[in-house]
Amino acid sequence: MSWISFVTGGVTVLFAYALFTGNEEEEMELAEAENETELNMVVNGPSGRLVTLSCQTCRKLKRHKEIQPNLFQCTKCKRHVDIRAS
């Protein structure tokens, strides 16, 4: 019975390790490559600037491009963030 518990505990630890370590490095490399290609693009808009804002859909700080004065679009999910005065 103790061997079954030992093996079950080992499998649980390996699963937790794989779950929490993930592929963060690969995700960061992909995000950097995506940002590099976007920086080289010509954006139609008043200034075409890229800013870091909190995206409500992604729930993280993401890069947004300006499509109109003070109207930004998330580069990942394409959600609009409007910071214009009402």
PDB file of N, CA and C in Angstrom:
ATOM      1  N   MET A   1       0.814  -1.183   0.000  1.00  0.00           N
ATOM      2  CA  MET A   1       0.000   0.000   0.000  1.00  0.00           C
ATOM      3  C   MET A   1       0.864   1.256   0.000  1.00  0.00           C
ATOM      4  N   SER A   2       2.012   1.219   0.656  1.00  0.00           N
ATOM      5  CA  SER A   2       2.855   2.400   0.731  1.00  0.00           C
ATOM      6  C   SER A   2       3.468   2.735  -0.637  1.00  0.00           C
ATOM      7  N   TRP A   3       3.719   1.720  -1.468  1.00  0.00           N
ATOM      8  CA  TRP A   3       4.270   1.993  -2.802  1.00  0.00           C
ATOM      9  C   TRP A   3       3.253   2.732  -3.669  1.00  0.00           C
ATOM     10  N   ILE A   4       2.000   2.380  -3.553  1.00  0.00           N
ATOM     11  CA  ILE A   4       0.959   3.057  -4.325  1.00  0.00           C
ATOM     12  C   ILE A   4       0.867   4.518  -3.912  1.00  0.00           C
ATOM     13  N   SER A   5       0.934   4.787  -2.626  1.00  0.00           N
ATOM     14  CA  SER A   5       0.901   6.163  -2.139  1.00  0.00           C
ATOM     15  C   SER A   5       2.131   6.928  -2.595  1.00  0.00           C
ATOM     16  N   PHE A   6       3.290   6.282  -2.560  1.00  0.00           N
ATOM     17  CA  PHE A   6       4.531   6.923  -2.979  1.00  0.00           C
ATOM     18  C   PHE A   6       4.475   7.292  -4.470  1.00  0.00           C
ATOM     19  N   VAL A   7       4.034   6.387  -5.308  1.00  0.00           N
ATOM     20  CA  VAL A   7       3.949   6.638  -6.752  1.00  0.00           C
ATOM     21  C   VAL A   7       2.894   7.709  -7.044  1.00  0.00           C
ATOM     22  N   THR A   8       1.765   7.654  -6.358  1.00  0.00           N
ATOM     23  CA  THR A   8       0.719   8.656  -6.550  1.00  0.00           C
ATOM     24  C   THR A   8       1.228  10.043  -6.154  1.00  0.00           C
ATOM     25  N   GLY A   9       1.939  10.138  -5.064  1.00  0.00           N
ATOM     26  CA  GLY A   9       2.521  11.416  -4.645  1.00  0.00           C
ATOM     27  C   GLY A   9       3.539  11.929  -5.640  1.00  0.00           C
ATOM     28  N   GLY A  10       4.357  11.044  -6.176  1.00  0.00           N
ATOM     29  CA  GLY A  10       5.358  11.440  -7.177  1.00  0.00           C
ATOM     30  C   GLY A  10       4.717  11.961  -8.450  1.00  0.00           C
ATOM     31  N   VAL A  11       3.677  11.280  -8.914  1.00  0.00           N
ATOM     32  CA  VAL A  11       2.969  11.715 -10.113  1.00  0.00           C
ATOM     33  C   VAL A  11       2.297  13.072  -9.871  1.00  0.00           C
ATOM     34  N   THR A  12       1.755  13.266  -8.688  1.00  0.00           N
ATOM     35  CA  THR A  12       1.111  14.530  -8.337  1.00  0.00           C
ATOM     36  C   THR A  12       2.124  15.670  -8.337  1.00  0.00           C
ATOM     37  N   VAL A  13       3.291  15.438  -7.769  1.00  0.00           N
ATOM     38  CA  VAL A  13       4.339  16.460  -7.743  1.00  0.00           C
ATOM     39  C   VAL A  13       4.795  16.787  -9.161  1.00  0.00           C
ATOM     40  N   LEU A  14       4.978  15.800 -10.002  1.00  0.00           N
ATOM     41  CA  LEU A  14       5.388  16.048 -11.384  1.00  0.00           C
ATOM     42  C   LEU A  14       4.325  16.826 -12.150  1.00  0.00           C
ATOM     43  N   PHE A  15       3.079  16.486 -11.934  1.00  0.00           N
ATOM     44  CA  PHE A  15       1.991  17.195 -12.597  1.00  0.00           C
ATOM     45  C   PHE A  15       1.948  18.659 -12.157  1.00  0.00           C
ATOM     46  N   ALA A  16       2.074  18.898 -10.848  1.00  0.00           N
ATOM     47  CA  ALA A  16       2.059  20.277 -10.333  1.00  0.00           C
ATOM     48  C   ALA A  16       3.254  21.066 -10.871  1.00  0.00           C
ATOM     49  N   TYR A  17       4.418  20.454 -10.943  1.00  0.00           N
ATOM     50  CA  TYR A  17       5.610  21.118 -11.471  1.00  0.00           C
ATOM     51  C   TYR A  17       5.396  21.499 -12.940  1.00  0.00           C
ATOM     52  N   ALA A  18       4.872  20.592 -13.728  1.00  0.00           N
ATOM     53  CA  ALA A  18       4.629  20.873 -15.145  1.00  0.00           C
ATOM     54  C   ALA A  18       3.561  21.941 -15.324  1.00  0.00           C
ATOM     55  N   LEU A  19       2.578  21.948 -14.463  1.00  0.00           N
ATOM     56  CA  LEU A  19       1.486  22.914 -14.555  1.00  0.00           C
ATOM     57  C   LEU A  19       1.971  24.329 -14.252  1.00  0.00           C
ATOM     58  N   PHE A  20       2.786  24.479 -13.226  1.00  0.00           N
ATOM     59  CA  PHE A  20       3.184  25.811 -12.798  1.00  0.00           C
ATOM     60  C   PHE A  20       4.421  26.349 -13.498  1.00  0.00           C
ATOM     61  N   THR A  21       5.274  25.510 -14.045  1.00  0.00           N
ATOM     62  CA  THR A  21       6.436  26.026 -14.760  1.00  0.00           C
ATOM     63  C   THR A  21       6.051  26.460 -16.162  1.00  0.00           C
ATOM     64  N   GLY A  22       5.211  25.740 -16.852  1.00  0.00           N
ATOM     65  CA  GLY A  22       4.679  26.133 -18.162  1.00  0.00           C
ATOM     66  C   GLY A  22       5.751  26.506 -19.164  1.00  0.00           C
ATOM     67  N   ASN A  23       5.323  27.254 -20.184  1.00  0.00           N
ATOM     68  CA  ASN A  23       6.207  27.702 -21.251  1.00  0.00           C
ATOM     69  C   ASN A  23       6.297  29.217 -21.241  1.00  0.00           C
ATOM     70  N   GLU A  24       6.628  29.800 -20.109  1.00  0.00           N
ATOM     71  CA  GLU A  24       6.676  31.243 -19.994  1.00  0.00           C
ATOM     72  C   GLU A  24       7.743  31.845 -20.903  1.00  0.00           C
ATOM     73  N   GLU A  25       8.877  31.175 -21.025  1.00  0.00           N
ATOM     74  CA  GLU A  25       9.948  31.693 -21.871  1.00  0.00           C
ATOM     75  C   GLU A  25       9.521  31.718 -23.333  1.00  0.00           C
ATOM     76  N   GLU A  26       8.867  30.659 -23.783  1.00  0.00           N
ATOM     77  CA  GLU A  26       8.416  30.614 -25.166  1.00  0.00           C
ATOM     78  C   GLU A  26       7.348  31.671 -25.419  1.00  0.00           C
ATOM     79  N   GLU A  27       6.459  31.883 -24.447  1.00  0.00           N
ATOM     80  CA  GLU A  27       5.427  32.905 -24.599  1.00  0.00           C
ATOM     81  C   GLU A  27       6.053  34.288 -24.678  1.00  0.00           C
ATOM     82  N   MET A  28       7.070  34.545 -23.872  1.00  0.00           N
ATOM     83  CA  MET A  28       7.741  35.845 -23.893  1.00  0.00           C
ATOM     84  C   MET A  28       8.452  36.057 -25.233  1.00  0.00           C
ATOM     85  N   GLU A  29       9.095  35.017 -25.761  1.00  0.00           N
ATOM     86  CA  GLU A  29       9.776  35.137 -27.044  1.00  0.00           C
ATOM     87  C   GLU A  29       8.770  35.425 -28.158  1.00  0.00           C
ATOM     88  N   LEU A  30       7.624  34.757 -28.122  1.00  0.00           N
ATOM     89  CA  LEU A  30       6.606  34.998 -29.137  1.00  0.00           C
ATOM     90  C   LEU A  30       6.047  36.407 -29.026  1.00  0.00           C
ATOM     91  N   ALA A  31       5.842  36.889 -27.801  1.00  0.00           N
ATOM     92  CA  ALA A  31       5.329  38.242 -27.604  1.00  0.00           C
ATOM     93  C   ALA A  31       6.340  39.284 -28.085  1.00  0.00           C
ATOM     94  N   GLU A  32       7.622  39.062 -27.818  1.00  0.00           N
ATOM     95  CA  GLU A  32       8.649  39.986 -28.277  1.00  0.00           C
ATOM     96  C   GLU A  32       8.720  40.001 -29.800  1.00  0.00           C
ATOM     97  N   ALA A  33       8.629  38.836 -30.424  1.00  0.00           N
ATOM     98  CA  ALA A  33       8.662  38.772 -31.881  1.00  0.00           C
ATOM     99  C   ALA A  33       7.443  39.471 -32.473  1.00  0.00           C
ATOM    100  N   GLU A  34       6.285  39.319 -31.832  1.00  0.00           N
ATOM    101  CA  GLU A  34       5.066  39.978 -32.302  1.00  0.00           C
ATOM    102  C   GLU A  34       5.202  41.493 -32.197  1.00  0.00           C
ATOM    103  N   ASN A  35       5.767  41.960 -31.089  1.00  0.00           N
ATOM    104  CA  ASN A  35       5.950  43.399 -30.905  1.00  0.00           C
ATOM    105  C   ASN A  35       6.947  43.963 -31.899  1.00  0.00           C
ATOM    106  N   GLU A  36       7.991  43.222 -32.224  1.00  0.00           N
ATOM    107  CA  GLU A  36       8.973  43.696 -33.195  1.00  0.00           C
ATOM    108  C   GLU A  36       8.342  43.862 -34.570  1.00  0.00           C
ATOM    109  N   THR A  37       7.513  42.921 -34.980  1.00  0.00           N
ATOM    110  CA  THR A  37       6.880  43.042 -36.285  1.00  0.00           C
ATOM    111  C   THR A  37       5.877  44.178 -36.297  1.00  0.00           C
ATOM    112  N   GLU A  38       5.193  44.405 -35.177  1.00  0.00           N
ATOM    113  CA  GLU A  38       4.219  45.501 -35.119  1.00  0.00           C
ATOM    114  C   GLU A  38       4.907  46.855 -35.128  1.00  0.00           C
ATOM    115  N   LEU A  39       6.094  46.938 -34.541  1.00  0.00           N
ATOM    116  CA  LEU A  39       6.805  48.203 -34.536  1.00  0.00           C
ATOM    117  C   LEU A  39       7.255  48.586 -35.934  1.00  0.00           C
ATOM    118  N   ASN A  40       7.433  47.607 -36.805  1.00  0.00           N
ATOM    119  CA  ASN A  40       7.857  47.880 -38.176  1.00  0.00           C
ATOM    120  C   ASN A  40       6.691  48.177 -39.108  1.00  0.00           C
ATOM    121  N   MET A  41       5.458  47.955 -38.652  1.00  0.00           N
ATOM    122  CA  MET A  41       4.295  48.191 -39.494  1.00  0.00           C
ATOM    123  C   MET A  41       3.930  49.669 -39.499  1.00  0.00           C
ATOM    124  N   VAL A  42       3.324  50.102 -40.586  1.00  0.00           N
ATOM    125  CA  VAL A  42       2.784  51.448 -40.657  1.00  0.00           C
ATOM    126  C   VAL A  42       1.331  51.367 -40.210  1.00  0.00           C
ATOM    127  N   VAL A  43       1.003  52.130 -39.195  1.00  0.00           N
ATOM    128  CA  VAL A  43      -0.332  52.082 -38.628  1.00  0.00           C
ATOM    129  C   VAL A  43      -1.099  53.303 -39.105  1.00  0.00           C
ATOM    130  N   ASN A  44      -2.303  53.045 -39.636  1.00  0.00           N
ATOM    131  CA  ASN A  44      -3.147  54.156 -40.042  1.00  0.00           C
ATOM    132  C   ASN A  44      -3.738  54.786 -38.803  1.00  0.00           C
ATOM    133  N   GLY A  45      -3.491  56.043 -38.610  1.00  0.00           N
ATOM    134  CA  GLY A  45      -3.995  56.720 -37.428  1.00  0.00           C
ATOM    135  C   GLY A  45      -3.267  58.033 -37.240  1.00  0.00           C
ATOM    136  N   PRO A  46      -3.670  58.771 -36.226  1.00  0.00           N
ATOM    137  CA  PRO A  46      -3.092  60.085 -36.023  1.00  0.00           C
ATOM    138  C   PRO A  46      -1.597  60.023 -35.709  1.00  0.00           C
ATOM    139  N   SER A  47      -1.190  59.131 -34.839  1.00  0.00           N
ATOM    140  CA  SER A  47       0.230  59.054 -34.523  1.00  0.00           C
ATOM    141  C   SER A  47       0.764  57.638 -34.649  1.00  0.00           C
ATOM    142  N   GLY A  48      -0.104  56.641 -34.595  1.00  0.00           N
ATOM    143  CA  GLY A  48       0.322  55.251 -34.711  1.00  0.00           C
ATOM    144  C   GLY A  48       1.157  54.793 -33.534  1.00  0.00           C
ATOM    145  N   ARG A  49       0.984  55.419 -32.391  1.00  0.00           N
ATOM    146  CA  ARG A  49       1.821  55.077 -31.247  1.00  0.00           C
ATOM    147  C   ARG A  49       1.323  53.819 -30.568  1.00  0.00           C
ATOM    148  N   LEU A  50       2.241  53.110 -29.940  1.00  0.00           N
ATOM    149  CA  LEU A  50       1.930  51.912 -29.174  1.00  0.00           C
ATOM    150  C   LEU A  50       2.120  52.229 -27.698  1.00  0.00           C
ATOM    151  N   VAL A  51       1.136  51.888 -26.897  1.00  0.00           N
ATOM    152  CA  VAL A  51       1.197  52.123 -25.460  1.00  0.00           C
ATOM    153  C   VAL A  51       0.815  50.840 -24.725  1.00  0.00           C
ATOM    154  N   THR A  52       1.214  50.751 -23.477  1.00  0.00           N
ATOM    155  CA  THR A  52       0.856  49.607 -22.649  1.00  0.00           C
ATOM    156  C   THR A  52      -0.304  50.003 -21.752  1.00  0.00           C
ATOM    157  N   LEU A  53      -1.437  49.302 -21.931  1.00  0.00           N
ATOM    158  CA  LEU A  53      -2.637  49.565 -21.132  1.00  0.00           C
ATOM    159  C   LEU A  53      -3.150  48.243 -20.582  1.00  0.00           C
ATOM    160  N   SER A  54      -4.003  48.331 -19.589  1.00  0.00           N
ATOM    161  CA  SER A  54      -4.638  47.145 -19.037  1.00  0.00           C
ATOM    162  C   SER A  54      -5.820  46.768 -19.921  1.00  0.00           C
ATOM    163  N   CYS A  55      -5.800  45.546 -20.444  1.00  0.00           N
ATOM    164  CA  CYS A  55      -6.878  45.070 -21.315  1.00  0.00           C
ATOM    165  C   CYS A  55      -7.903  44.323 -20.463  1.00  0.00           C
ATOM    166  N   GLN A  56      -9.186  44.678 -20.603  1.00  0.00           N
ATOM    167  CA  GLN A  56     -10.230  44.047 -19.806  1.00  0.00           C
ATOM    168  C   GLN A  56     -10.504  42.614 -20.254  1.00  0.00           C
ATOM    169  N   THR A  57     -10.300  42.324 -21.534  1.00  0.00           N
ATOM    170  CA  THR A  57     -10.540  40.972 -22.027  1.00  0.00           C
ATOM    171  C   THR A  57      -9.382  40.048 -21.650  1.00  0.00           C
ATOM    172  N   CYS A  58      -8.156  40.492 -21.896  1.00  0.00           N
ATOM    173  CA  CYS A  58      -6.971  39.676 -21.600  1.00  0.00           C
ATOM    174  C   CYS A  58      -6.671  39.641 -20.101  1.00  0.00           C
ATOM    175  N   ARG A  59      -7.126  40.666 -19.368  1.00  0.00           N
ATOM    176  CA  ARG A  59      -6.882  40.821 -17.937  1.00  0.00           C
ATOM    177  C   ARG A  59      -5.402  40.901 -17.606  1.00  0.00           C
ATOM    178  N   LYS A  60      -4.656  41.541 -18.500  1.00  0.00           N
ATOM    179  CA  LYS A  60      -3.222  41.751 -18.298  1.00  0.00           C
ATOM    180  C   LYS A  60      -2.837  43.069 -18.940  1.00  0.00           C
ATOM    181  N   LEU A  61      -1.629  43.513 -18.646  1.00  0.00           N
ATOM    182  CA  LEU A  61      -1.100  44.680 -19.329  1.00  0.00           C
ATOM    183  C   LEU A  61      -0.649  44.248 -20.715  1.00  0.00           C
ATOM    184  N   LYS A  62      -1.227  44.847 -21.737  1.00  0.00           N
ATOM    185  CA  LYS A  62      -0.922  44.485 -23.122  1.00  0.00           C
ATOM    186  C   LYS A  62      -0.630  45.742 -23.918  1.00  0.00           C
ATOM    187  N   ARG A  63       0.027  45.550 -25.054  1.00  0.00           N
ATOM    188  CA  ARG A  63       0.318  46.652 -25.957  1.00  0.00           C
ATOM    189  C   ARG A  63      -0.954  47.009 -26.730  1.00  0.00           C
ATOM    190  N   HIS A  64      -1.220  48.295 -26.858  1.00  0.00           N
ATOM    191  CA  HIS A  64      -2.370  48.800 -27.600  1.00  0.00           C
ATOM    192  C   HIS A  64      -1.869  49.808 -28.624  1.00  0.00           C
ATOM    193  N   LYS A  65      -2.453  49.791 -29.813  1.00  0.00           N
ATOM    194  CA  LYS A  65      -2.096  50.786 -30.827  1.00  0.00           C
ATOM    195  C   LYS A  65      -3.215  51.813 -30.932  1.00  0.00           C
ATOM    196  N   GLU A  66      -2.825  53.039 -31.199  1.00  0.00           N
ATOM    197  CA  GLU A  66      -3.788  54.131 -31.287  1.00  0.00           C
ATOM    198  C   GLU A  66      -4.392  54.140 -32.688  1.00  0.00           C
ATOM    199  N   ILE A  67      -5.717  54.046 -32.768  1.00  0.00           N
ATOM    200  CA  ILE A  67      -6.378  54.052 -34.073  1.00  0.00           C
ATOM    201  C   ILE A  67      -7.074  55.380 -34.333  1.00  0.00           C
ATOM    202  N   GLN A  68      -7.419  56.108 -33.289  1.00  0.00           N
ATOM    203  CA  GLN A  68      -7.950  57.466 -33.356  1.00  0.00           C
ATOM    204  C   GLN A  68      -7.392  58.190 -32.142  1.00  0.00           C
ATOM    205  N   PRO A  69      -7.486  59.512 -32.098  1.00  0.00           N
ATOM    206  CA  PRO A  69      -6.973  60.198 -30.907  1.00  0.00           C
ATOM    207  C   PRO A  69      -7.642  59.662 -29.631  1.00  0.00           C
ATOM    208  N   ASN A  70      -6.826  59.134 -28.741  1.00  0.00           N
ATOM    209  CA  ASN A  70      -7.258  58.571 -27.456  1.00  0.00           C
ATOM    210  C   ASN A  70      -8.219  57.390 -27.591  1.00  0.00           C
ATOM    211  N   LEU A  71      -8.165  56.666 -28.690  1.00  0.00           N
ATOM    212  CA  LEU A  71      -8.907  55.419 -28.877  1.00  0.00           C
ATOM    213  C   LEU A  71      -7.881  54.363 -29.261  1.00  0.00           C
ATOM    214  N   PHE A  72      -7.742  53.347 -28.418  1.00  0.00           N
ATOM    215  CA  PHE A  72      -6.701  52.354 -28.602  1.00  0.00           C
ATOM    216  C   PHE A  72      -7.307  50.981 -28.846  1.00  0.00           C
ATOM    217  N   GLN A  73      -6.519  50.110 -29.527  1.00  0.00           N
ATOM    218  CA  GLN A  73      -6.962  48.753 -29.836  1.00  0.00           C
ATOM    219  C   GLN A  73      -5.897  47.784 -29.355  1.00  0.00           C
ATOM    220  N   CYS A  74      -6.328  46.760 -28.601  1.00  0.00           N
ATOM    221  CA  CYS A  74      -5.406  45.746 -28.094  1.00  0.00           C
ATOM    222  C   CYS A  74      -4.803  44.983 -29.274  1.00  0.00           C
ATOM    223  N   THR A  75      -3.491  44.768 -29.236  1.00  0.00           N
ATOM    224  CA  THR A  75      -2.838  44.070 -30.337  1.00  0.00           C
ATOM    225  C   THR A  75      -3.100  42.568 -30.295  1.00  0.00           C
ATOM    226  N   LYS A  76      -3.566  42.046 -29.146  1.00  0.00           N
ATOM    227  CA  LYS A  76      -3.814  40.617 -29.041  1.00  0.00           C
ATOM    228  C   LYS A  76      -5.266  40.263 -29.352  1.00  0.00           C
ATOM    229  N   CYS A  77      -6.216  40.893 -28.642  1.00  0.00           N
ATOM    230  CA  CYS A  77      -7.623  40.507 -28.793  1.00  0.00           C
ATOM    231  C   CYS A  77      -8.440  41.510 -29.609  1.00  0.00           C
ATOM    232  N   LYS A  78      -7.844  42.625 -30.002  1.00  0.00           N
ATOM    233  CA  LYS A  78      -8.475  43.650 -30.847  1.00  0.00           C
ATOM    234  C   LYS A  78      -9.616  44.394 -30.159  1.00  0.00           C
ATOM    235  N   ARG A  79      -9.672  44.377 -28.830  1.00  0.00           N
ATOM    236  CA  ARG A  79     -10.697  45.109 -28.093  1.00  0.00           C
ATOM    237  C   ARG A  79     -10.324  46.587 -28.054  1.00  0.00           C
ATOM    238  N   HIS A  80     -11.338  47.449 -28.211  1.00  0.00           N
ATOM    239  CA  HIS A  80     -11.099  48.892 -28.177  1.00  0.00           C
ATOM    240  C   HIS A  80     -11.145  49.418 -26.761  1.00  0.00           C
ATOM    241  N   VAL A  81     -10.217  50.326 -26.450  1.00  0.00           N
ATOM    242  CA  VAL A  81     -10.190  51.018 -25.162  1.00  0.00           C
ATOM    243  C   VAL A  81     -10.324  52.496 -25.456  1.00  0.00           C
ATOM    244  N   ASP A  82     -11.414  53.085 -24.996  1.00  0.00           N
ATOM    245  CA  ASP A  82     -11.718  54.479 -25.278  1.00  0.00           C
ATOM    246  C   ASP A  82     -11.416  55.313 -24.030  1.00  0.00           C
ATOM    247  N   ILE A  83     -10.422  56.205 -24.116  1.00  0.00           N
ATOM    248  CA  ILE A  83     -10.091  57.055 -22.970  1.00  0.00           C
ATOM    249  C   ILE A  83     -10.407  58.511 -23.292  1.00  0.00           C
ATOM    250  N   ARG A  84     -11.270  58.728 -24.301  1.00  0.00           N
ATOM    251  CA  ARG A  84     -11.684  60.085 -24.644  1.00  0.00           C
ATOM    252  C   ARG A  84     -12.657  60.611 -23.595  1.00  0.00           C
ATOM    253  N   ALA A  85     -12.707  61.921 -23.457  1.00  0.00           N
ATOM    254  CA  ALA A  85     -13.654  62.542 -22.513  1.00  0.00           C
ATOM    255  C   ALA A  85     -15.065  62.367 -23.049  1.00  0.00           C
ATOM    256  N   SER A  86     -15.984  62.046 -22.177  1.00  0.00           N
ATOM    257  CA  SER A  86     -17.377  61.799 -22.594  1.00  0.00           C
ATOM    258  C   SER A  86     -18.111  63.086 -22.855  1.00  0.00           C
TER     259      SER A  86
END
